[in-house]
Amino acid sequence: MKLIYQVEDKPKFPQLIVFALQQLLAIMTATLVVPVIINGNVGEMIADKPMSPAAALFGAGIGTLVYLLFTLRKSPVFLGSSFAFLGSMTSAFTGATTAALGYFGLLLGAVLAGLVYVVIAIIVKFCGSKWVEKLMPAVVIGPTVAIIGLSLAGNAVGDLAKGANGTAPDTKIALLCGLVTLIVTMLSSVYGKKSGKLIPFIYGILAGYVFALVMTLLGKYVFDSKEMCLLTITPFRNLLGPDKEIQLKTFLALPDFTFLNAKGAFDSFSGSYFMTVFVAYVPVAFVVFAEHIADHMNISSIIERDLLKDPGLHRTLLGDGVGSMAGAFFGGCPNTTYGESIGCVAITKNASIVSIFAAAVGAILISFLSPFIAFVNSIPSCVMGGVCMALYGFIAVSGLKMIQKVDLNENKNLFVVSVILIAGVGGLSVSFGKVTITEVACALILGILTNLLLKNAKEPIMPPEETLNAALTEPEKTEE
């Protein structure tokens, strides 16, 4: 893949701001929604002190900066809130006796999960990473990366039927809005000039947003139909003061950081609670480790540089693990490399580390700006669904490209790929109490086991296709 901006390239400042904004828009919705889901799962326990989406965004920015530092600014990936730890984070609250202890559990769990990465990184540092390459070769990693994209397909399609804040307007109108977003994104990427090719998601999101706004106005003032209302800009009402004038304090707001909400937790801390958090987080960290390998092999294929060798798997693991701990300290959510960010790099062909760095700084600054958070929250789900159809699709295709050089005429390779694809697409997952092994992890584990089982199989050497065809068509000789 020919990149427009290489890893070490530095775009001009005006372009840099736009590129950073595009990365933010690609990852922001998912990052902001994790604390919202936890608030819904926990219910009244943290009603007085709900998790802050703005703090999660701040933590993602901090985590990304730490990641870039450990990877020597060679891996162009943004870290965001991990969905894999949703069950773990919920357990931290449900197993706690107070809200403060629950927030402390988030910090403790993130440290435990991060330490798993640190320990593996130390092993890789002294023992090398060849064992990882043997355990997870291209025939295993390729279809697994594809599953990461395909497993998210349902989310993208489901969002196409939703309006603002998850509401359900007329499905056909929502679908049309999402398709407008997707079409503009595709046209910008394929037919656009340099700016269009570099920021297709911004064009797509703006087009979808405007279309949704037009439908809203038509529904409210022309047709007087609530079903037509796709976009509700209610979050902007909190910008108005009692005198209907915009006030400075409504623009700038300090995120509600997790470590502040954890004060007083030691009053009710116990050994049993520690084990609850340990069991909830540590097994999931091993699962996410497998996804870490898949993500970095994916971005390596996109930028055509082996990140597992330079800067090295031990550095990417340290960056991900320590970055996750740092991010959770502020936002409560363990971070992970984001497929949306990788997909953004693949589509825009912009792998500039400076763009990722600017996006991380932007995430930190924007977390203090209530209007921007409100704007992102007001983007209809169908608009993001249209964008994600392209993002998740590129992730899937990137994985399939990894197995282009794999000989699928060999049954052992065919079985490995088949098992991974069917397990992943079929949604195979296994739960052990509060720990759930996701479909991606299950598919990867089955793929590894299948590959190890059939690795030494010696298949009969088949004759060349021409010889085989000649043998089949040659008339049978009979004795005279």
Protein backbone atom coordinates (compact mmCIF):
# COMPACT_ATOMS: atom_id res chain seq x y z
CA MET A 1 0.00 0.00 0.00
CA LYS A 2 1.47 3.33 -1.07
CA LEU A 3 1.10 5.80 1.78
CA ILE A 4 0.58 9.51 1.19
CA TYR A 5 2.18 10.32 4.55
CA GLN A 6 4.76 7.92 5.97
CA VAL A 7 5.19 7.30 9.70
CA GLU A 8 7.94 9.90 10.06
CA ASP A 9 6.31 12.57 7.83
CA LYS A 10 5.12 15.84 9.33
CA PRO A 11 2.08 17.43 7.63
CA LYS A 12 1.73 21.20 7.62
CA PHE A 13 -0.02 22.64 10.67
CA PRO A 14 -3.43 23.43 9.07
CA GLN A 15 -3.58 19.93 7.58
CA LEU A 16 -2.41 18.42 10.84
CA ILE A 17 -5.37 19.88 12.73
CA VAL A 18 -7.82 18.39 10.24
CA PHE A 19 -6.08 14.99 10.25
CA ALA A 20 -6.16 14.91 14.06
CA LEU A 21 -9.84 15.81 14.07
CA GLN A 22 -10.56 12.95 11.66
CA GLN A 23 -8.80 10.45 13.93
CA LEU A 24 -10.75 11.81 16.89
CA LEU A 25 -14.08 11.49 15.11
CA ALA A 26 -13.20 7.92 14.12
CA ILE A 27 -12.50 6.79 17.70
CA MET A 28 -14.47 9.23 19.82
CA THR A 29 -17.94 7.69 19.74
CA ALA A 30 -16.71 4.28 20.92
CA THR A 31 -14.47 5.85 23.56
CA LEU A 32 -17.27 7.98 24.96
CA VAL A 33 -19.86 5.22 24.98
CA VAL A 34 -17.97 2.81 27.30
CA PRO A 35 -18.56 4.86 30.48
CA VAL A 36 -22.15 5.44 29.36
CA ILE A 37 -22.69 1.66 29.17
CA ILE A 38 -21.16 1.17 32.62
CA ASN A 39 -23.41 3.89 34.05
CA GLY A 40 -26.38 2.00 32.66
CA ASN A 41 -25.17 -1.37 33.96
CA VAL A 42 -24.42 -0.20 37.49
CA GLY A 43 -27.60 1.83 37.92
CA GLU A 44 -28.22 3.73 41.12
CA MET A 45 -24.92 2.82 42.79
CA ILE A 46 -23.08 5.68 41.10
CA ALA A 47 -26.07 7.87 40.32
CA ASP A 48 -24.50 10.72 42.30
CA LYS A 49 -21.09 10.23 40.68
CA PRO A 50 -21.52 8.61 37.24
CA MET A 51 -18.50 7.81 35.12
CA SER A 52 -17.50 10.74 32.95
CA PRO A 53 -17.22 10.28 29.15
CA ALA A 54 -15.05 13.42 29.07
CA ALA A 55 -12.66 11.80 31.58
CA ALA A 56 -12.53 8.67 29.41
CA LEU A 57 -11.55 10.83 26.43
CA PHE A 58 -8.87 12.54 28.53
CA GLY A 59 -7.57 9.13 29.61
CA ALA A 60 -7.48 7.92 26.00
CA GLY A 61 -5.34 10.92 25.07
CA ILE A 62 -2.95 10.31 27.96
CA GLY A 63 -2.77 6.59 27.19
CA THR A 64 -1.97 7.27 23.54
CA LEU A 65 0.86 9.65 24.45
CA VAL A 66 2.35 6.99 26.75
CA TYR A 67 2.00 4.40 23.98
CA LEU A 68 3.79 6.64 21.46
CA LEU A 69 6.58 7.21 23.98
CA PHE A 70 7.18 3.49 24.59
CA THR A 71 6.99 2.60 20.89
CA LEU A 72 9.55 5.29 19.99
CA ARG A 73 6.94 7.07 17.84
CA LYS A 74 6.93 4.26 15.27
CA SER A 75 3.41 2.80 15.62
CA PRO A 76 0.60 5.06 14.29
CA VAL A 77 -2.28 3.83 16.43
CA PHE A 78 -4.64 5.63 18.81
CA LEU A 79 -5.62 3.99 22.10
CA GLY A 80 -9.24 4.19 23.23
CA SER A 81 -11.58 2.71 25.84
CA SER A 82 -11.62 -1.10 25.59
CA PHE A 83 -14.98 -2.85 25.19
CA ALA A 84 -13.37 -6.13 26.24
CA PHE A 85 -13.30 -4.95 29.88
CA LEU A 86 -16.97 -3.93 30.08
CA GLY A 87 -17.86 -7.00 32.15
CA SER A 88 -14.76 -6.51 34.33
CA MET A 89 -15.62 -2.86 35.03
CA THR A 90 -19.19 -3.78 35.90
CA SER A 91 -17.91 -6.44 38.32
CA ALA A 92 -15.70 -3.84 40.02
CA PHE A 93 -18.85 -1.93 40.97
CA THR A 94 -21.22 -4.82 41.67
CA GLY A 95 -18.65 -6.42 44.00
CA ALA A 96 -18.08 -3.16 45.89
CA THR A 97 -19.90 -1.91 48.95
CA THR A 98 -19.51 1.78 48.13
CA ALA A 99 -19.19 3.86 44.97
CA ALA A 100 -15.71 4.99 46.06
CA LEU A 101 -14.57 1.36 46.36
CA GLY A 102 -16.03 0.64 42.93
CA TYR A 103 -13.98 3.47 41.41
CA PHE A 104 -10.90 2.21 43.23
CA GLY A 105 -11.65 -1.20 41.74
CA LEU A 106 -11.45 0.34 38.28
CA LEU A 107 -7.97 1.65 39.08
CA LEU A 108 -6.85 -1.63 40.67
CA GLY A 109 -8.19 -3.71 37.79
CA ALA A 110 -6.45 -1.54 35.20
CA VAL A 111 -3.15 -1.94 37.07
CA LEU A 112 -3.56 -5.73 37.26
CA ALA A 113 -4.40 -5.96 33.55
CA GLY A 114 -1.52 -3.66 32.66
CA LEU A 115 0.89 -5.78 34.70
CA VAL A 116 -0.06 -8.79 32.58
CA TYR A 117 1.23 -6.88 29.56
CA VAL A 118 4.36 -5.83 31.43
CA VAL A 119 5.18 -9.41 32.46
CA ILE A 120 4.68 -10.69 28.90
CA ALA A 121 6.80 -7.80 27.60
CA ILE A 122 9.65 -8.81 29.93
CA ILE A 123 9.41 -12.42 28.71
CA VAL A 124 9.49 -11.25 25.09
CA LYS A 125 12.45 -8.98 25.80
CA PHE A 126 14.62 -11.80 27.14
CA CYS A 127 13.23 -14.73 25.15
CA GLY A 128 12.47 -13.00 21.86
CA SER A 129 9.23 -12.93 19.88
CA LYS A 130 9.83 -15.88 17.54
CA TRP A 131 7.61 -18.04 19.73
CA VAL A 132 4.76 -15.61 19.04
CA GLU A 133 5.39 -15.84 15.28
CA LYS A 134 5.40 -19.64 15.47
CA LEU A 135 2.30 -19.71 17.65
CA MET A 136 0.41 -17.18 15.52
CA PRO A 137 1.65 -17.22 11.91
CA ALA A 138 -0.13 -15.44 9.04
CA VAL A 139 -2.53 -18.33 8.52
CA VAL A 140 -3.81 -17.73 12.08
CA ILE A 141 -3.50 -13.95 12.43
CA GLY A 142 -4.91 -13.08 8.98
CA PRO A 143 -8.41 -14.53 9.44
CA THR A 144 -8.39 -13.37 13.07
CA VAL A 145 -7.87 -9.76 11.98
CA ALA A 146 -10.68 -10.28 9.48
CA ILE A 147 -12.91 -11.47 12.32
CA ILE A 148 -12.18 -8.31 14.31
CA GLY A 149 -13.78 -6.34 11.49
CA LEU A 150 -16.54 -8.83 10.74
CA SER A 151 -17.52 -9.17 14.41
CA LEU A 152 -18.26 -5.44 14.46
CA ALA A 153 -20.39 -5.59 11.31
CA GLY A 154 -23.57 -6.08 13.33
CA ASN A 155 -22.85 -2.90 15.30
CA ALA A 156 -22.43 -0.85 12.12
CA VAL A 157 -25.59 -2.23 10.50
CA GLY A 158 -27.54 -1.85 13.75
CA ASP A 159 -26.51 1.80 14.03
CA LEU A 160 -27.90 2.46 10.56
CA ALA A 161 -31.40 2.15 12.02
CA LYS A 162 -30.82 4.57 14.91
CA GLY A 163 -31.00 8.33 15.27
CA ALA A 164 -29.49 10.68 17.85
CA ASN A 165 -28.70 9.24 21.29
CA GLY A 166 -29.81 5.78 20.19
CA THR A 167 -33.39 6.80 19.36
CA ALA A 168 -35.28 4.85 16.71
CA PRO A 169 -36.82 7.11 14.04
CA ASP A 170 -38.15 5.88 10.71
CA THR A 171 -35.74 3.09 9.77
CA LYS A 172 -35.74 3.92 6.06
CA ILE A 173 -34.87 7.56 6.71
CA ALA A 174 -32.08 6.55 9.11
CA LEU A 175 -30.75 4.05 6.57
CA LEU A 176 -30.80 6.73 3.87
CA CYS A 177 -28.87 9.06 6.15
CA GLY A 178 -26.23 6.41 6.81
CA LEU A 179 -25.91 5.63 3.12
CA VAL A 180 -25.43 9.32 2.32
CA THR A 181 -22.57 9.33 4.84
CA LEU A 182 -21.05 6.18 3.35
CA ILE A 183 -21.37 7.35 -0.27
CA VAL A 184 -19.79 10.75 0.41
CA THR A 185 -16.97 9.03 2.32
CA MET A 186 -16.32 6.65 -0.59
CA LEU A 187 -16.50 9.34 -3.25
CA SER A 188 -14.14 11.58 -1.29
CA SER A 189 -11.65 8.77 -0.80
CA VAL A 190 -11.71 7.47 -4.39
CA TYR A 191 -12.36 10.55 -6.53
CA GLY A 192 -11.30 13.36 -4.26
CA LYS A 193 -8.11 15.31 -4.66
CA LYS A 194 -5.43 15.18 -1.99
CA SER A 195 -7.56 16.73 0.77
CA GLY A 196 -10.53 14.53 -0.11
CA LYS A 197 -8.44 11.38 0.02
CA LEU A 198 -6.95 12.35 3.36
CA ILE A 199 -10.11 13.39 5.24
CA PRO A 200 -12.98 11.38 3.70
CA PHE A 201 -14.53 10.66 7.10
CA ILE A 202 -14.90 14.33 7.94
CA TYR A 203 -16.65 14.95 4.63
CA GLY A 204 -18.85 11.92 5.15
CA ILE A 205 -19.82 12.78 8.72
CA LEU A 206 -20.56 16.41 7.83
CA ALA A 207 -22.69 15.32 4.87
CA GLY A 208 -24.63 12.85 7.00
CA TYR A 209 -25.02 15.40 9.78
CA VAL A 210 -26.41 18.03 7.38
CA PHE A 211 -28.76 15.49 5.79
CA ALA A 212 -30.03 14.46 9.24
CA LEU A 213 -30.52 18.09 10.22
CA VAL A 214 -32.53 18.76 7.05
CA MET A 215 -34.72 15.74 7.78
CA THR A 216 -35.20 17.01 11.33
CA LEU A 217 -36.34 20.42 10.15
CA LEU A 218 -38.65 18.89 7.55
CA GLY A 219 -40.14 16.58 10.12
CA LYS A 220 -40.66 19.29 12.70
CA TYR A 221 -41.78 22.26 10.64
CA VAL A 222 -43.12 20.81 7.39
CA PHE A 223 -44.50 17.34 8.02
CA ASP A 224 -44.95 17.72 11.78
CA SER A 225 -43.88 14.11 12.20
CA LYS A 226 -41.76 12.93 15.13
CA GLU A 227 -40.76 9.84 13.16
CA MET A 228 -38.89 12.08 10.73
CA CYS A 229 -36.78 13.60 13.50
CA LEU A 230 -33.33 12.03 13.20
CA LEU A 231 -31.26 14.61 15.03
CA THR A 232 -31.96 16.16 18.40
CA ILE A 233 -29.42 18.79 19.44
CA THR A 234 -30.58 18.83 23.06
CA PRO A 235 -27.04 18.66 24.53
CA PHE A 236 -26.43 22.23 23.41
CA ARG A 237 -29.11 23.54 25.76
CA ASN A 238 -26.72 23.26 28.68
CA LEU A 239 -24.61 25.96 27.08
CA LEU A 240 -27.23 28.58 27.91
CA GLY A 241 -27.15 30.31 31.23
CA PRO A 242 -30.17 31.60 33.18
CA ASP A 243 -30.13 34.78 31.08
CA LYS A 244 -29.93 32.80 27.83
CA GLU A 245 -26.38 34.02 27.34
CA ILE A 246 -23.42 31.76 26.69
CA GLN A 247 -21.28 31.59 29.80
CA LEU A 248 -17.58 30.68 30.02
CA LYS A 249 -18.15 27.99 32.63
CA THR A 250 -20.43 26.10 30.26
CA PHE A 251 -17.61 25.91 27.73
CA LEU A 252 -14.86 24.84 30.11
CA ALA A 253 -15.50 22.04 32.56
CA LEU A 254 -13.03 19.86 34.48
CA PRO A 255 -13.68 16.17 33.72
CA ASP A 256 -14.76 14.09 36.69
CA PHE A 257 -11.55 12.05 37.00
CA THR A 258 -11.75 8.50 38.37
CA PHE A 259 -8.95 8.84 40.90
CA LEU A 260 -10.87 11.72 42.54
CA ASN A 261 -13.98 9.56 42.92
CA ALA A 262 -11.94 6.78 44.56
CA LYS A 263 -11.21 8.78 47.72
CA GLY A 264 -12.11 6.94 50.91
CA ALA A 265 -12.10 3.52 49.23
CA PHE A 266 -9.69 1.94 51.76
CA ASP A 267 -12.31 2.22 54.50
CA SER A 268 -14.18 -0.71 52.94
CA PHE A 269 -11.39 -2.48 51.02
CA SER A 270 -10.95 -6.22 51.68
CA GLY A 271 -9.04 -9.23 50.41
CA SER A 272 -12.19 -10.78 48.95
CA TYR A 273 -12.82 -7.63 46.91
CA PHE A 274 -9.25 -7.77 45.61
CA MET A 275 -9.85 -11.33 44.37
CA THR A 276 -13.12 -10.23 42.77
CA VAL A 277 -11.28 -7.59 40.75
CA PHE A 278 -8.35 -9.92 40.04
CA VAL A 279 -10.58 -12.65 38.60
CA ALA A 280 -12.56 -10.10 36.61
CA TYR A 281 -9.59 -8.37 34.96
CA VAL A 282 -6.56 -10.66 34.63
CA PRO A 283 -8.06 -13.40 32.40
CA VAL A 284 -9.48 -10.74 30.08
CA ALA A 285 -6.01 -9.17 29.81
CA PHE A 286 -4.68 -12.41 28.28
CA VAL A 287 -7.52 -12.35 25.77
CA VAL A 288 -6.80 -8.73 24.83
CA PHE A 289 -3.12 -9.66 24.44
CA ALA A 290 -4.10 -11.86 21.51
CA GLU A 291 -6.02 -8.96 19.97
CA HIS A 292 -2.96 -6.76 20.56
CA ILE A 293 -0.89 -9.11 18.38
CA ALA A 294 -3.55 -9.14 15.66
CA ASP A 295 -3.90 -5.34 15.64
CA HIS A 296 -0.15 -4.77 15.36
CA MET A 297 0.25 -7.32 12.59
CA ASN A 298 -2.59 -5.56 10.82
CA ILE A 299 -1.09 -2.07 11.08
CA SER A 300 2.30 -3.58 10.15
CA SER A 301 0.85 -4.85 6.88
CA ILE A 302 -0.68 -1.43 6.19
CA ILE A 303 2.49 0.59 6.73
CA GLU A 304 4.67 -2.27 5.39
CA ARG A 305 6.92 -2.26 8.46
CA ASP A 306 7.11 -5.08 11.01
CA LEU A 307 6.29 -3.41 14.30
CA LEU A 308 6.86 -6.66 16.19
CA LYS A 309 10.55 -6.30 15.28
CA ASP A 310 10.94 -2.52 15.22
CA PRO A 311 10.26 -1.07 17.77
CA GLY A 312 9.57 -4.62 18.98
CA LEU A 313 6.70 -6.53 20.54
CA HIS A 314 8.02 -5.84 24.04
CA ARG A 315 7.73 -2.08 23.42
CA THR A 316 4.23 -2.26 21.93
CA LEU A 317 3.13 -4.35 24.91
CA LEU A 318 4.66 -1.93 27.40
CA GLY A 319 3.10 1.00 25.59
CA ASP A 320 -0.32 -0.63 25.56
CA GLY A 321 -0.11 -1.86 29.16
CA VAL A 322 1.32 1.25 30.80
CA GLY A 323 -0.81 3.47 28.57
CA SER A 324 -3.88 1.55 29.67
CA MET A 325 -2.99 2.02 33.35
CA ALA A 326 -2.36 5.74 32.86
CA GLY A 327 -5.58 6.20 30.93
CA ALA A 328 -7.68 4.36 33.51
CA PHE A 329 -6.20 6.48 36.31
CA PHE A 330 -8.04 9.44 34.83
CA GLY A 331 -10.96 7.90 32.93
CA GLY A 332 -11.49 4.53 34.62
CA CYS A 333 -11.45 2.64 31.30
CA PRO A 334 -8.53 0.39 30.33
CA ASN A 335 -7.33 1.38 26.86
CA THR A 336 -6.49 -0.68 23.84
CA THR A 337 -5.37 -0.15 20.25
CA TYR A 338 -8.41 0.85 18.22
CA GLY A 339 -9.45 -0.87 15.01
CA GLU A 340 -11.19 2.35 13.98
CA SER A 341 -7.85 4.15 14.15
CA ILE A 342 -6.14 1.43 12.11
CA GLY A 343 -8.95 1.53 9.55
CA CYS A 344 -8.59 5.31 9.34
CA VAL A 345 -4.88 4.92 8.56
CA ALA A 346 -5.65 2.30 5.90
CA ILE A 347 -8.32 4.33 4.09
CA THR A 348 -6.67 7.75 4.26
CA LYS A 349 -3.13 6.37 3.68
CA ASN A 350 -1.94 8.77 6.36
CA ALA A 351 0.35 6.97 8.83
CA SER A 352 1.97 10.11 10.23
CA ILE A 353 2.83 9.70 13.90
CA VAL A 354 2.52 13.47 14.28
CA SER A 355 -1.16 13.14 13.32
CA ILE A 356 -1.71 10.56 16.08
CA PHE A 357 0.19 12.75 18.55
CA ALA A 358 -1.96 15.75 17.61
CA ALA A 359 -5.10 13.64 17.99
CA ALA A 360 -4.00 12.59 21.49
CA VAL A 361 -3.33 16.18 22.52
CA GLY A 362 -6.62 17.18 20.93
CA ALA A 363 -8.47 14.52 22.94
CA ILE A 364 -7.00 15.93 26.16
CA LEU A 365 -7.93 19.52 25.29
CA ILE A 366 -11.38 18.70 23.93
CA SER A 367 -12.29 16.79 27.10
CA PHE A 368 -12.47 20.20 28.81
CA LEU A 369 -14.77 21.65 26.11
CA SER A 370 -18.39 20.85 26.80
CA PRO A 371 -19.67 22.14 23.41
CA PHE A 372 -17.53 19.70 21.41
CA ILE A 373 -18.50 16.74 23.60
CA ALA A 374 -22.13 17.78 23.14
CA PHE A 375 -21.64 18.02 19.38
CA VAL A 376 -20.20 14.51 19.17
CA ASN A 377 -23.03 13.17 21.30
CA SER A 378 -25.52 14.80 18.93
CA ILE A 379 -24.23 12.98 15.83
CA PRO A 380 -26.92 10.42 14.92
CA SER A 381 -25.96 6.78 15.24
CA CYS A 382 -26.92 6.19 11.61
CA VAL A 383 -24.22 8.66 10.52
CA MET A 384 -21.55 6.80 12.48
CA GLY A 385 -22.99 3.53 11.18
CA GLY A 386 -22.29 4.67 7.63
CA VAL A 387 -18.71 5.58 8.53
CA CYS A 388 -18.14 2.33 10.41
CA MET A 389 -19.28 0.23 7.45
CA ALA A 390 -16.13 1.45 5.70
CA LEU A 391 -13.89 1.32 8.77
CA TYR A 392 -14.81 -2.20 9.86
CA GLY A 393 -14.79 -3.42 6.26
CA PHE A 394 -11.22 -2.24 5.77
CA ILE A 395 -10.15 -4.06 8.93
CA ALA A 396 -11.68 -7.29 7.58
CA VAL A 397 -10.07 -6.85 4.17
CA SER A 398 -6.68 -6.09 5.76
CA GLY A 399 -6.85 -9.44 7.52
CA LEU A 400 -7.77 -11.30 4.34
CA LYS A 401 -4.82 -9.68 2.56
CA MET A 402 -2.49 -11.28 5.12
CA ILE A 403 -3.37 -14.78 3.85
CA GLN A 404 -2.77 -14.00 0.19
CA LYS A 405 0.58 -15.79 0.33
CA VAL A 406 -0.77 -18.71 2.37
CA ASP A 407 -1.22 -21.87 0.31
CA LEU A 408 -4.89 -22.69 0.79
CA ASN A 409 -4.53 -25.74 -1.45
CA GLU A 410 -3.08 -27.43 1.62
CA ASN A 411 -5.86 -28.85 3.76
CA LYS A 412 -4.13 -27.99 7.02
CA ASN A 413 -4.14 -24.26 6.12
CA LEU A 414 -7.68 -24.50 4.81
CA PHE A 415 -8.87 -26.01 8.11
CA VAL A 416 -7.15 -23.30 10.20
CA VAL A 417 -8.73 -20.46 8.21
CA SER A 418 -12.12 -22.17 8.10
CA VAL A 419 -12.27 -22.78 11.84
CA ILE A 420 -11.35 -19.17 12.65
CA LEU A 421 -13.82 -17.63 10.20
CA ILE A 422 -16.78 -19.80 11.17
CA ALA A 423 -16.15 -19.50 14.92
CA GLY A 424 -15.79 -15.73 14.65
CA VAL A 425 -18.66 -15.04 12.25
CA GLY A 426 -20.87 -17.49 14.14
CA GLY A 427 -20.26 -15.57 17.37
CA LEU A 428 -18.76 -18.40 19.42
CA SER A 429 -18.03 -17.17 22.95
CA VAL A 430 -17.53 -18.93 26.29
CA SER A 431 -18.26 -17.59 29.78
CA PHE A 432 -16.63 -18.72 33.02
CA GLY A 433 -18.52 -16.90 35.72
CA LYS A 434 -17.87 -13.19 35.26
CA VAL A 435 -15.17 -13.79 32.67
CA THR A 436 -16.24 -14.01 29.02
CA ILE A 437 -13.95 -15.11 26.21
CA THR A 438 -15.13 -13.09 23.22
CA GLU A 439 -15.78 -14.48 19.75
CA VAL A 440 -12.52 -12.98 18.49
CA ALA A 441 -10.54 -14.62 21.29
CA CYS A 442 -12.35 -17.95 20.85
CA ALA A 443 -11.70 -17.90 17.12
CA LEU A 444 -8.02 -17.13 17.71
CA ILE A 445 -7.62 -19.86 20.34
CA LEU A 446 -9.27 -22.46 18.10
CA GLY A 447 -7.10 -21.33 15.20
CA ILE A 448 -3.91 -21.68 17.27
CA LEU A 449 -4.92 -25.16 18.48
CA THR A 450 -5.87 -26.28 14.96
CA ASN A 451 -2.60 -24.99 13.55
CA LEU A 452 -0.56 -26.76 16.25
CA LEU A 453 -2.49 -29.97 15.74
CA LEU A 454 -1.97 -30.02 11.96
CA LYS A 455 1.38 -28.22 11.80
CA ASN A 456 3.50 -31.32 11.13
CA ALA A 457 1.01 -32.98 8.81
CA LYS A 458 2.60 -34.14 5.55
CA GLU A 459 0.11 -34.04 2.73
CA PRO A 460 0.69 -36.12 -0.43
CA ILE A 461 2.36 -34.20 -3.23
CA MET A 462 -0.17 -33.71 -6.01
CA PRO A 463 0.99 -33.73 -9.64
CA PRO A 464 0.91 -30.45 -11.57
CA GLU A 465 -2.52 -29.49 -12.85
CA GLU A 466 -1.48 -29.96 -16.50
CA THR A 467 -0.18 -33.49 -15.85
CA LEU A 468 -3.30 -34.38 -13.88
CA ASN A 469 -5.60 -33.12 -16.62
CA ALA A 470 -3.64 -35.00 -19.28
CA ALA A 471 -3.86 -38.21 -17.26
CA LEU A 472 -7.59 -37.82 -16.90
CA THR A 473 -8.22 -37.10 -20.59
CA GLU A 474 -5.72 -39.59 -22.10
CA PRO A 475 -7.58 -42.55 -23.61
CA GLU A 476 -7.05 -45.80 -21.77
CA LYS A 477 -4.69 -48.20 -23.57
CA THR A 478 -5.92 -51.73 -24.22
CA GLU A 479 -3.85 -54.79 -25.01
CA GLU A 480 -4.09 -56.02 -28.55
